[in-house]
Amino acid sequence: MFLLLKGRFRRHPQGSRAKVVISLNKAKPIARVDERYLSFSIDISVLAGGQWWDGSAGSQKGLGTEKTTPLSLKKGKLDKFTRALAPAYLRVGGSEADNIHYFAAPQGESGALVLTQGMWDDLHRFCARNDLALAFTFKYGLFKRRLHGRWQADEVSKLLAYSSERGQPIAVCELGNELNAYWAFYGLGSQPMASKLAADYDTFIRTVRHLSPHSKVAGPGSAFWPRIGEAIKPITNITPTFLSVLKEPLDIVDWHYYPFQSRRSPVRTRSATLSNVMSPQALKDFDKYLGQLKGWRNLHQPNAVLWTGETGSAQCGGEARLSDRFASSFWWADQLGRGARAGQAVMVRQSLVGGDYGLINRQTLKPNPDFWVSWLWQKLMGREVFEVQSSDESVLAYCHSARKGGKCTLLLINMAATAKAVECRGFGMQKKRFELTADKLTDAKVRINGVKPKFQGGKVKLKDFPSLARQEQLKPYSINFWCFLL
């Protein structure tokens, strides 16, 4: 067995190993996820070249302090990695979605952030090449509080009309980014009250229905913080009132959630440290706040599905040398399983590329450890969710139908520093297993079945990894996908 010591593994006597019982109720699925359940984002700041986290030591008004160069979406290496995670939704949003201009800046406004026509067209080509459905956060704007409730759709209408004329599909439309956090980004005078925001959202929904009738509408995308939820009442706790007074129906009720905060964050309710990230207890807030959101949805928007519209390991760009290391993969694997089990349709990861929390390193265009969790999930976890229980709090268990019919896949996350003997009850014959490990939690490199994963000829396949002998045991600090015949 092992103990955690500064991110390394230290051997411990074998005698204390306990058997973990994993029980499956296979009578019927308890939930069904979207075929694009595991999805991801590219922040508008990265796409258009705004204020971003790479190289930033702190934050300013919710943004990174460093100006970045626009991300190129031309055909290249990024396509290869993105396609490996398809199909997915690609959300383009982020804090600067509310002060960006479309195609050109107003006359006399120098230094403004602009999403150019070329960037927009390249974005749609990127989505088409890689089986991505675009989810776009439209501009709410930084206007005076006395004008809230009277939002004008002019800029949004022009962009929607442009895309409609050119056959550029927008799968999901959202208005504004984390509108319950305007007070923190732009001052108390900028914070829209829930009833005023609902009036503006009604205008937005009618605009989308008219100009892009095939698009779905998501909202309100409120930010929830670990330990405190929507935080300060009545300033930020806007979601229940917003949903109750909204007149137009939503297709998607969504929220944003980060379980930890990086050192760049000016306020930290749970810091991104190795001990916090590896604490199973710290992951439970997700259930609590999603449960609240589900209750409000059921009461006010019963026909809408639930999404986590933005999530990452740590707010404000992720935590350096942690969010891009193996330790982060445990949170990510758990939240994927946890969200599906709770009946959520889609999980949008911040981000595909950019920041310490990127699935892909922007500078090197090499996959980070969380990429390989995502890849295994996409290959092995199907849409039907089954009820499964673990007798050990340090072994987290989730079960889905397999990608191919007639099988199920069991996700077992061992967050303990000790090996775990496992007894599976209610499962059929174990066929294959895939085991994600690293030499230490702070490693940037991982192994699948003992082999470092890599793309060969532009692809990587499950059969590239050696088969493991059937074994009812989990290695310390390991993420495991076990495939069974039901």
Protein backbone atom coordinates (compact mmCIF):
# COMPACT_ATOMS: atom_id res chain seq x y z
CA MET A 1 0.00 0.00 0.00
CA PHE A 2 0.99 3.61 -0.33
CA LEU A 3 0.92 6.92 1.51
CA LEU A 4 0.78 10.35 -0.12
CA LEU A 5 3.94 12.35 0.54
CA LYS A 6 4.45 15.59 -1.41
CA GLY A 7 2.74 14.09 -4.42
CA ARG A 8 4.78 10.88 -4.35
CA PHE A 9 3.80 7.35 -3.41
CA ARG A 10 5.44 5.62 -0.43
CA ARG A 11 4.99 1.91 0.25
CA HIS A 12 3.04 0.82 3.30
CA PRO A 13 2.47 -2.68 4.73
CA GLN A 14 0.01 -4.78 2.75
CA GLY A 15 -1.91 -6.17 5.71
CA SER A 16 -4.35 -3.23 6.04
CA ARG A 17 -5.92 -3.72 2.61
CA ALA A 18 -9.74 -3.86 2.84
CA LYS A 19 -12.17 -5.33 0.32
CA VAL A 20 -14.52 -2.84 -1.38
CA VAL A 21 -17.96 -4.04 -2.45
CA ILE A 22 -19.35 -2.48 -5.65
CA SER A 23 -23.06 -3.24 -6.12
CA LEU A 24 -24.97 -2.68 -9.36
CA ASN A 25 -28.73 -2.26 -9.67
CA LYS A 26 -29.25 -3.12 -13.32
CA ALA A 27 -33.05 -3.25 -13.28
CA LYS A 28 -33.29 -0.08 -15.36
CA PRO A 29 -31.24 3.05 -16.07
CA ILE A 30 -31.65 5.94 -13.64
CA ALA A 31 -30.71 8.62 -16.19
CA ARG A 32 -29.75 9.18 -19.82
CA VAL A 33 -27.18 11.76 -20.95
CA ASP A 34 -26.86 13.70 -24.21
CA GLU A 35 -24.77 12.03 -26.91
CA ARG A 36 -22.46 15.06 -26.53
CA TYR A 37 -22.40 14.80 -22.73
CA LEU A 38 -18.67 15.39 -22.37
CA SER A 39 -18.16 18.78 -23.97
CA PHE A 40 -15.70 21.65 -23.68
CA SER A 41 -15.12 25.33 -24.27
CA ILE A 42 -12.77 27.76 -25.91
CA ASP A 43 -12.88 31.04 -24.02
CA ILE A 44 -13.76 34.10 -26.07
CA SER A 45 -10.61 35.76 -24.72
CA VAL A 46 -8.47 32.96 -26.18
CA LEU A 47 -10.33 32.97 -29.48
CA ALA A 48 -10.29 36.72 -30.01
CA GLY A 49 -7.09 37.68 -28.17
CA GLY A 50 -8.29 39.30 -24.95
CA GLN A 51 -7.15 39.35 -21.32
CA TRP A 52 -6.23 35.80 -20.37
CA TRP A 53 -4.72 33.73 -17.58
CA ASP A 54 -1.58 32.36 -19.23
CA GLY A 55 1.32 34.27 -17.67
CA SER A 56 -0.93 36.13 -15.22
CA ALA A 57 -0.01 36.10 -11.53
CA GLY A 58 -3.35 37.55 -10.43
CA SER A 59 -6.65 38.84 -11.75
CA GLN A 60 -8.29 42.16 -12.54
CA LYS A 61 -12.09 42.42 -12.65
CA GLY A 62 -12.41 38.69 -13.16
CA LEU A 63 -9.93 38.60 -16.05
CA GLY A 64 -6.32 37.64 -16.49
CA THR A 65 -3.82 40.48 -16.49
CA GLU A 66 -2.01 39.44 -19.68
CA LYS A 67 -3.10 40.13 -23.25
CA THR A 68 -3.00 36.99 -25.38
CA THR A 69 -2.78 36.42 -29.11
CA PRO A 70 -5.86 35.09 -30.93
CA LEU A 71 -6.05 31.31 -31.24
CA SER A 72 -5.69 29.96 -34.75
CA LEU A 73 -8.41 27.48 -35.73
CA LYS A 74 -6.95 26.69 -39.12
CA LYS A 75 -6.46 23.03 -39.99
CA GLY A 76 -3.66 21.55 -37.91
CA LYS A 77 -2.63 19.64 -34.81
CA LEU A 78 -5.51 20.98 -32.72
CA ASP A 79 -7.98 19.26 -35.05
CA LYS A 80 -6.44 15.86 -34.33
CA PHE A 81 -6.93 16.07 -30.58
CA THR A 82 -10.33 17.73 -30.81
CA ARG A 83 -11.69 15.10 -33.16
CA ALA A 84 -10.61 12.39 -30.72
CA LEU A 85 -13.10 13.81 -28.18
CA ALA A 86 -16.00 14.23 -30.61
CA PRO A 87 -18.93 14.41 -30.76
CA ALA A 88 -19.20 17.32 -28.34
CA TYR A 89 -20.59 20.78 -27.85
CA LEU A 90 -18.05 23.57 -28.15
CA ARG A 91 -19.02 26.47 -25.92
CA VAL A 92 -17.52 29.86 -26.74
CA GLY A 93 -18.11 32.21 -23.82
CA GLY A 94 -16.26 33.63 -20.85
CA SER A 95 -16.06 36.95 -19.03
CA GLU A 96 -15.22 39.05 -22.07
CA ALA A 97 -18.27 37.77 -23.97
CA ASP A 98 -20.12 40.78 -22.53
CA ASN A 99 -17.79 43.49 -23.78
CA ILE A 100 -16.69 42.07 -27.13
CA HIS A 101 -17.75 43.56 -30.46
CA TYR A 102 -18.79 41.53 -33.46
CA PHE A 103 -16.81 42.07 -36.69
CA ALA A 104 -15.82 45.71 -35.98
CA ALA A 105 -15.36 48.06 -33.03
CA PRO A 106 -17.45 51.24 -32.77
CA GLN A 107 -15.79 54.27 -34.28
CA GLY A 108 -13.42 55.95 -31.85
CA GLU A 109 -13.15 52.98 -29.49
CA SER A 110 -9.48 52.05 -29.70
CA GLY A 111 -8.19 48.86 -28.12
CA ALA A 112 -11.61 47.21 -28.09
CA LEU A 113 -11.86 43.43 -28.21
CA VAL A 114 -13.31 42.33 -31.55
CA LEU A 115 -14.49 38.96 -32.80
CA THR A 116 -13.70 39.44 -36.46
CA GLN A 117 -15.71 38.02 -39.32
CA GLY A 118 -12.75 35.78 -40.17
CA MET A 119 -12.61 34.43 -36.61
CA TRP A 120 -16.34 33.68 -36.68
CA ASP A 121 -16.16 31.91 -40.04
CA ASP A 122 -13.09 29.91 -38.92
CA LEU A 123 -14.94 28.89 -35.76
CA HIS A 124 -17.79 27.41 -37.78
CA ARG A 125 -15.38 25.60 -40.10
CA PHE A 126 -13.55 24.21 -37.05
CA CYS A 127 -16.83 22.90 -35.63
CA ALA A 128 -17.87 21.34 -38.93
CA ARG A 129 -14.53 19.53 -39.39
CA ASN A 130 -14.52 18.09 -35.89
CA ASP A 131 -18.16 17.11 -35.24
CA LEU A 132 -18.75 19.93 -32.76
CA ALA A 133 -22.06 21.67 -32.10
CA LEU A 134 -21.53 25.35 -31.29
CA ALA A 135 -22.88 26.80 -28.04
CA PHE A 136 -22.32 30.56 -28.10
CA THR A 137 -22.59 33.14 -25.33
CA PHE A 138 -24.00 36.33 -26.83
CA LYS A 139 -23.25 39.79 -25.57
CA TYR A 140 -25.42 41.14 -22.76
CA GLY A 141 -23.32 44.29 -22.50
CA LEU A 142 -21.92 46.56 -19.83
CA PHE A 143 -24.66 49.15 -19.65
CA LYS A 144 -26.04 51.21 -16.82
CA ARG A 145 -28.30 49.57 -14.29
CA ARG A 146 -31.19 51.93 -15.01
CA LEU A 147 -31.38 50.36 -18.49
CA HIS A 148 -31.69 46.78 -17.22
CA GLY A 149 -34.94 45.25 -18.36
CA ARG A 150 -34.73 47.14 -21.66
CA TRP A 151 -31.88 45.29 -23.36
CA GLN A 152 -31.58 45.91 -27.09
CA ALA A 153 -30.92 42.94 -29.40
CA ASP A 154 -29.33 44.89 -32.28
CA GLU A 155 -25.83 43.37 -32.18
CA VAL A 156 -27.11 39.88 -31.45
CA SER A 157 -29.68 40.11 -34.26
CA LYS A 158 -27.03 41.06 -36.80
CA LEU A 159 -24.80 38.13 -35.86
CA LEU A 160 -27.71 35.68 -35.90
CA ALA A 161 -28.87 36.96 -39.28
CA TYR A 162 -25.33 36.73 -40.70
CA SER A 163 -25.01 33.08 -39.63
CA SER A 164 -28.50 32.19 -40.81
CA GLU A 165 -27.80 33.58 -44.28
CA ARG A 166 -24.60 31.52 -44.53
CA GLY A 167 -25.93 28.28 -43.11
CA GLN A 168 -23.76 28.48 -40.00
CA PRO A 169 -25.62 26.51 -37.30
CA ILE A 170 -25.61 27.65 -33.67
CA ALA A 171 -26.83 24.75 -31.57
CA VAL A 172 -27.21 26.67 -28.31
CA CYS A 173 -27.56 30.39 -27.61
CA GLU A 174 -26.94 31.99 -24.22
CA LEU A 175 -27.13 35.63 -23.15
CA GLY A 176 -24.30 36.94 -21.00
CA ASN A 177 -21.67 35.20 -18.92
CA GLU A 178 -22.27 34.60 -15.20
CA LEU A 179 -24.75 37.45 -14.88
CA ASN A 180 -25.05 36.89 -11.15
CA ALA A 181 -21.37 37.88 -10.82
CA TYR A 182 -21.53 41.27 -12.56
CA TRP A 183 -21.17 42.97 -9.18
CA ALA A 184 -17.72 41.38 -8.76
CA PHE A 185 -16.51 42.07 -12.29
CA TYR A 186 -17.96 45.50 -13.00
CA GLY A 187 -19.22 46.97 -9.71
CA LEU A 188 -22.47 46.90 -7.76
CA GLY A 189 -24.10 49.40 -10.10
CA SER A 190 -23.76 46.95 -12.98
CA GLN A 191 -25.48 44.01 -11.28
CA PRO A 192 -28.83 43.19 -12.95
CA MET A 193 -31.59 42.22 -10.59
CA ALA A 194 -33.24 38.89 -11.32
CA SER A 195 -36.57 40.31 -12.54
CA LYS A 196 -34.88 42.80 -14.87
CA LEU A 197 -32.57 40.11 -16.21
CA ALA A 198 -35.59 37.88 -16.89
CA ALA A 199 -37.22 40.65 -18.92
CA ASP A 200 -34.07 41.02 -21.00
CA TYR A 201 -33.82 37.27 -21.41
CA ASP A 202 -37.41 37.14 -22.69
CA THR A 203 -36.38 39.60 -25.41
CA PHE A 204 -33.33 37.48 -26.20
CA ILE A 205 -35.34 34.24 -26.41
CA ARG A 206 -37.86 35.80 -28.79
CA THR A 207 -35.02 37.13 -30.94
CA VAL A 208 -33.38 33.71 -31.18
CA ARG A 209 -36.67 31.94 -31.91
CA HIS A 210 -37.31 34.37 -34.78
CA LEU A 211 -33.86 34.50 -36.39
CA SER A 212 -32.46 31.06 -35.52
CA PRO A 213 -35.44 28.80 -34.84
CA HIS A 214 -33.38 25.60 -34.74
CA SER A 215 -31.19 26.90 -31.90
CA LYS A 216 -31.81 26.00 -28.27
CA VAL A 217 -31.62 28.65 -25.55
CA ALA A 218 -29.75 28.19 -22.28
CA GLY A 219 -29.76 30.28 -19.12
CA PRO A 220 -29.06 31.82 -16.70
CA GLY A 221 -25.53 30.34 -16.36
CA SER A 222 -25.15 31.53 -12.77
CA ALA A 223 -21.86 30.97 -10.98
CA PHE A 224 -21.95 28.77 -7.87
CA TRP A 225 -19.00 28.72 -5.48
CA PRO A 226 -17.88 25.80 -3.31
CA ARG A 227 -19.22 26.02 0.24
CA ILE A 228 -21.37 29.15 -0.42
CA GLY A 229 -23.30 28.44 -3.63
CA GLU A 230 -24.63 31.61 -5.27
CA ALA A 231 -23.06 33.51 -2.38
CA ILE A 232 -24.42 36.90 -1.35
CA LYS A 233 -28.18 37.38 -1.06
CA PRO A 234 -29.94 39.15 -2.69
CA ILE A 235 -27.20 40.41 -5.01
CA THR A 236 -25.98 37.14 -6.51
CA ASN A 237 -28.70 34.68 -5.55
CA ILE A 238 -30.73 35.38 -8.67
CA THR A 239 -31.47 31.96 -10.19
CA PRO A 240 -34.74 31.01 -8.42
CA THR A 241 -36.31 34.43 -8.97
CA PHE A 242 -35.07 34.58 -12.57
CA LEU A 243 -36.62 31.21 -13.40
CA SER A 244 -39.88 32.03 -11.62
CA VAL A 245 -40.57 35.31 -13.46
CA LEU A 246 -39.25 34.32 -16.90
CA LYS A 247 -42.15 34.30 -19.36
CA GLU A 248 -40.52 32.48 -22.27
CA PRO A 249 -39.51 28.80 -21.95
CA LEU A 250 -35.87 27.78 -21.74
CA ASP A 251 -34.52 24.65 -23.41
CA ILE A 252 -31.59 24.39 -21.00
CA VAL A 253 -31.18 25.50 -17.39
CA ASP A 254 -27.45 25.78 -16.81
CA TRP A 255 -24.97 26.77 -14.13
CA HIS A 256 -21.21 27.26 -13.70
CA TYR A 257 -19.22 25.50 -11.03
CA TYR A 258 -15.56 25.24 -10.04
CA PRO A 259 -14.82 23.08 -6.97
CA PHE A 260 -11.62 25.01 -6.16
CA GLN A 261 -10.02 28.42 -6.67
CA SER A 262 -6.53 29.09 -7.93
CA ARG A 263 -4.07 31.51 -6.34
CA ARG A 264 -5.05 34.07 -8.95
CA SER A 265 -8.56 34.27 -7.49
CA PRO A 266 -9.01 37.30 -5.16
CA VAL A 267 -11.55 35.32 -3.09
CA ARG A 268 -11.06 31.66 -2.24
CA THR A 269 -13.69 29.56 -0.47
CA ARG A 270 -11.73 26.36 -1.18
CA SER A 271 -8.19 26.75 -2.46
CA ALA A 272 -6.79 24.47 -5.14
CA THR A 273 -4.22 22.52 -3.13
CA LEU A 274 -3.12 18.94 -3.56
CA SER A 275 -4.80 17.84 -0.34
CA ASN A 276 -8.09 19.57 -1.25
CA VAL A 277 -8.11 18.21 -4.80
CA MET A 278 -7.57 14.69 -3.50
CA SER A 279 -10.31 14.91 -0.86
CA PRO A 280 -13.48 12.93 -1.73
CA GLN A 281 -15.40 15.14 0.71
CA ALA A 282 -14.57 18.27 -1.28
CA LEU A 283 -16.33 16.85 -4.34
CA LYS A 284 -19.75 16.57 -2.68
CA ASP A 285 -20.74 20.24 -3.05
CA PHE A 286 -21.51 19.52 -6.68
CA ASP A 287 -24.43 17.29 -5.67
CA LYS A 288 -25.71 19.86 -3.20
CA TYR A 289 -25.88 22.78 -5.61
CA LEU A 290 -27.03 20.76 -8.60
CA GLY A 291 -29.82 19.48 -6.37
CA GLN A 292 -30.89 23.07 -5.66
CA LEU A 293 -30.84 23.91 -9.35
CA LYS A 294 -32.80 20.79 -10.22
CA GLY A 295 -35.50 21.77 -7.71
CA TRP A 296 -35.85 25.26 -9.21
CA ARG A 297 -35.89 23.77 -12.73
CA ASN A 298 -38.60 21.29 -11.79
CA LEU A 299 -40.74 24.06 -10.33
CA HIS A 300 -40.35 26.77 -12.98
CA GLN A 301 -38.92 25.24 -16.20
CA PRO A 302 -39.92 21.55 -16.05
CA ASN A 303 -39.32 20.93 -19.78
CA ALA A 304 -35.73 22.18 -19.73
CA VAL A 305 -32.71 19.89 -19.38
CA LEU A 306 -29.83 20.60 -16.98
CA TRP A 307 -26.31 21.49 -18.05
CA THR A 308 -23.13 22.45 -16.30
CA GLY A 309 -22.30 25.16 -18.81
CA GLU A 310 -18.79 25.77 -17.50
CA THR A 311 -16.55 23.88 -15.10
CA GLY A 312 -12.87 23.44 -14.40
CA SER A 313 -10.66 22.34 -11.57
CA ALA A 314 -9.96 25.87 -10.30
CA GLN A 315 -11.36 29.34 -11.01
CA CYS A 316 -9.22 31.99 -12.69
CA GLY A 317 -7.36 29.87 -15.20
CA GLY A 318 -6.66 26.80 -13.09
CA GLU A 319 -3.84 26.21 -10.62
CA ALA A 320 -0.34 26.07 -12.09
CA ARG A 321 1.37 22.68 -11.73
CA LEU A 322 -1.82 21.15 -10.39
CA SER A 323 -4.68 21.64 -12.86
CA ASP A 324 -2.48 20.28 -15.64
CA ARG A 325 -1.25 17.31 -13.62
CA PHE A 326 -2.53 13.82 -12.82
CA ALA A 327 -4.09 14.95 -9.52
CA SER A 328 -6.67 16.99 -11.44
CA SER A 329 -7.90 13.91 -13.27
CA PHE A 330 -9.59 12.53 -10.14
CA TRP A 331 -11.88 15.56 -9.78
CA TRP A 332 -12.67 15.48 -13.50
CA ALA A 333 -13.48 11.76 -13.66
CA ASP A 334 -15.67 12.09 -10.56
CA GLN A 335 -17.62 15.11 -11.76
CA LEU A 336 -18.35 13.45 -15.09
CA GLY A 337 -19.80 10.48 -13.26
CA ARG A 338 -21.52 12.56 -10.60
CA GLY A 339 -23.24 14.88 -13.07
CA ALA A 340 -24.56 12.02 -15.19
CA ARG A 341 -25.82 10.15 -12.13
CA ALA A 342 -27.72 13.26 -11.00
CA GLY A 343 -29.60 13.48 -14.30
CA GLN A 344 -27.60 16.23 -15.97
CA ALA A 345 -27.55 16.14 -19.77
CA VAL A 346 -24.25 17.89 -20.59
CA MET A 347 -20.97 18.77 -18.85
CA VAL A 348 -18.92 21.57 -20.46
CA ARG A 349 -15.25 21.58 -19.49
CA GLN A 350 -13.29 24.82 -19.30
CA SER A 351 -11.31 24.48 -21.42
CA LEU A 352 -10.32 22.57 -24.55
CA VAL A 353 -7.21 24.70 -24.89
CA GLY A 354 -5.89 27.64 -22.87
CA GLY A 355 -5.06 28.13 -19.19
CA ASP A 356 -3.63 25.66 -16.71
CA TYR A 357 -6.96 23.80 -16.82
CA GLY A 358 -6.88 23.20 -20.58
CA LEU A 359 -7.31 19.64 -21.81
CA ILE A 360 -4.62 20.56 -24.33
CA ASN A 361 -1.57 22.71 -23.57
CA ARG A 362 -1.83 25.79 -25.75
CA GLN A 363 1.92 26.34 -26.09
CA THR A 364 2.88 22.76 -26.98
CA LEU A 365 -0.47 21.45 -28.26
CA LYS A 366 0.13 18.30 -26.23
CA PRO A 367 -2.61 16.62 -24.20
CA ASN A 368 -2.69 17.13 -20.43
CA PRO A 369 -3.71 14.22 -18.14
CA ASP A 370 -7.39 15.25 -18.09
CA PHE A 371 -7.47 14.81 -21.86
CA TRP A 372 -6.89 11.07 -21.43
CA VAL A 373 -9.67 10.75 -18.85
CA SER A 374 -11.92 12.48 -21.37
CA TRP A 375 -10.78 10.23 -24.21
CA LEU A 376 -11.40 7.04 -22.21
CA TRP A 377 -14.82 8.33 -21.15
CA GLN A 378 -15.77 9.07 -24.76
CA LYS A 379 -14.64 5.63 -25.89
CA LEU A 380 -16.17 3.58 -23.08
CA MET A 381 -19.06 5.31 -21.29
CA GLY A 382 -22.45 5.17 -23.02
CA ARG A 383 -25.59 7.24 -22.54
CA GLU A 384 -27.56 5.06 -20.11
CA VAL A 385 -26.67 5.60 -16.44
CA PHE A 386 -27.06 2.81 -13.88
CA GLU A 387 -27.26 2.97 -10.11
CA VAL A 388 -24.12 1.66 -8.46
CA GLN A 389 -22.87 1.81 -4.87
CA SER A 390 -19.45 1.58 -3.27
CA SER A 391 -18.86 0.42 0.31
CA ASP A 392 -15.73 2.61 0.59
CA GLU A 393 -15.87 6.44 0.51
CA SER A 394 -12.42 6.63 -1.04
CA VAL A 395 -13.47 4.47 -4.02
CA LEU A 396 -15.94 6.41 -6.16
CA ALA A 397 -18.03 4.31 -8.53
CA TYR A 398 -20.18 5.16 -11.58
CA CYS A 399 -21.67 2.85 -14.19
CA HIS A 400 -22.96 3.48 -17.71
CA SER A 401 -23.98 1.38 -20.63
CA ALA A 402 -21.02 0.76 -22.89
CA ARG A 403 -20.56 2.51 -26.20
CA LYS A 404 -21.36 -0.83 -27.84
CA GLY A 405 -24.64 -2.56 -26.95
CA GLY A 406 -24.92 -5.41 -24.50
CA LYS A 407 -22.20 -4.28 -22.15
CA CYS A 408 -21.69 -1.85 -19.30
CA THR A 409 -18.66 0.13 -18.18
CA LEU A 410 -17.81 0.66 -14.52
CA LEU A 411 -15.74 3.72 -13.61
CA LEU A 412 -13.80 3.19 -10.38
CA ILE A 413 -11.79 6.08 -8.94
CA ASN A 414 -9.43 5.10 -6.15
CA MET A 415 -8.60 8.29 -4.27
CA ALA A 416 -6.76 6.43 -1.51
CA ALA A 417 -3.03 5.98 -1.04
CA THR A 418 -3.65 2.25 -0.64
CA ALA A 419 -4.45 -0.52 -3.06
CA LYS A 420 -8.05 -1.75 -2.90
CA ALA A 421 -9.35 -5.27 -3.39
CA VAL A 422 -12.76 -5.10 -5.07
CA GLU A 423 -15.77 -7.41 -5.16
CA CYS A 424 -18.28 -6.59 -7.91
CA ARG A 425 -21.87 -7.70 -7.31
CA GLY A 426 -24.56 -7.68 -10.00
CA PHE A 427 -22.15 -7.46 -12.93
CA GLY A 428 -21.52 -10.05 -15.61
CA MET A 429 -18.18 -11.29 -16.81
CA GLN A 430 -15.35 -8.75 -16.86
CA LYS A 431 -14.02 -8.44 -20.42
CA LYS A 432 -11.52 -5.60 -20.47
CA ARG A 433 -10.13 -2.98 -18.16
CA PHE A 434 -8.26 0.24 -18.66
CA GLU A 435 -6.19 1.72 -15.87
CA LEU A 436 -4.96 5.34 -15.75
CA THR A 437 -1.95 5.87 -13.48
CA ALA A 438 1.15 8.02 -12.99
CA ASP A 439 4.35 7.75 -10.97
CA LYS A 440 3.15 10.58 -8.75
CA LEU A 441 0.10 12.82 -8.47
CA THR A 442 1.99 15.87 -9.67
CA ASP A 443 3.18 14.20 -12.87
CA ALA A 444 2.24 15.74 -16.20
CA LYS A 445 2.53 12.34 -17.92
CA VAL A 446 0.18 9.41 -17.42
CA ARG A 447 0.01 5.78 -18.48
CA ILE A 448 -2.89 3.69 -19.71
CA ASN A 449 -2.36 0.03 -18.87
CA GLY A 450 1.27 0.84 -18.19
CA VAL A 451 1.88 2.52 -21.55
CA LYS A 452 2.24 6.24 -22.22
CA PRO A 453 -0.57 7.14 -24.64
CA LYS A 454 0.36 8.78 -27.92
CA PHE A 455 -1.15 9.41 -31.32
CA GLN A 456 0.15 7.32 -34.18
CA GLY A 457 -0.76 8.36 -37.68
CA GLY A 458 -3.03 11.02 -36.25
CA LYS A 459 -5.09 8.54 -34.18
CA VAL A 460 -5.06 6.62 -30.93
CA LYS A 461 -7.13 3.47 -30.38
CA LEU A 462 -8.09 1.33 -27.40
CA LYS A 463 -6.38 -1.65 -28.99
CA ASP A 464 -3.09 0.27 -28.85
CA PHE A 465 -2.91 -0.54 -25.13
CA PRO A 466 -1.92 -3.96 -23.81
CA SER A 467 -4.64 -6.11 -22.27
CA LEU A 468 -4.55 -6.46 -18.52
CA ALA A 469 -5.26 -9.77 -16.86
CA ARG A 470 -8.63 -9.97 -15.14
CA GLN A 471 -8.07 -8.64 -11.65
CA GLU A 472 -10.36 -7.45 -8.88
CA GLN A 473 -7.95 -4.86 -7.51
CA LEU A 474 -7.34 -1.14 -7.83
CA LYS A 475 -3.93 0.42 -7.69
CA PRO A 476 -3.43 3.35 -5.29
CA TYR A 477 -4.44 6.67 -6.83
CA SER A 478 -5.80 5.20 -10.04
CA ILE A 479 -8.72 5.82 -12.41
CA ASN A 480 -10.18 2.62 -13.81
CA PHE A 481 -12.66 1.71 -16.53
CA TRP A 482 -13.84 -1.91 -16.27
CA CYS A 483 -15.91 -3.32 -19.12
CA PHE A 484 -18.46 -6.07 -18.40
CA LEU A 485 -21.01 -8.23 -20.14
CA LEU A 486 -24.34 -7.52 -18.45
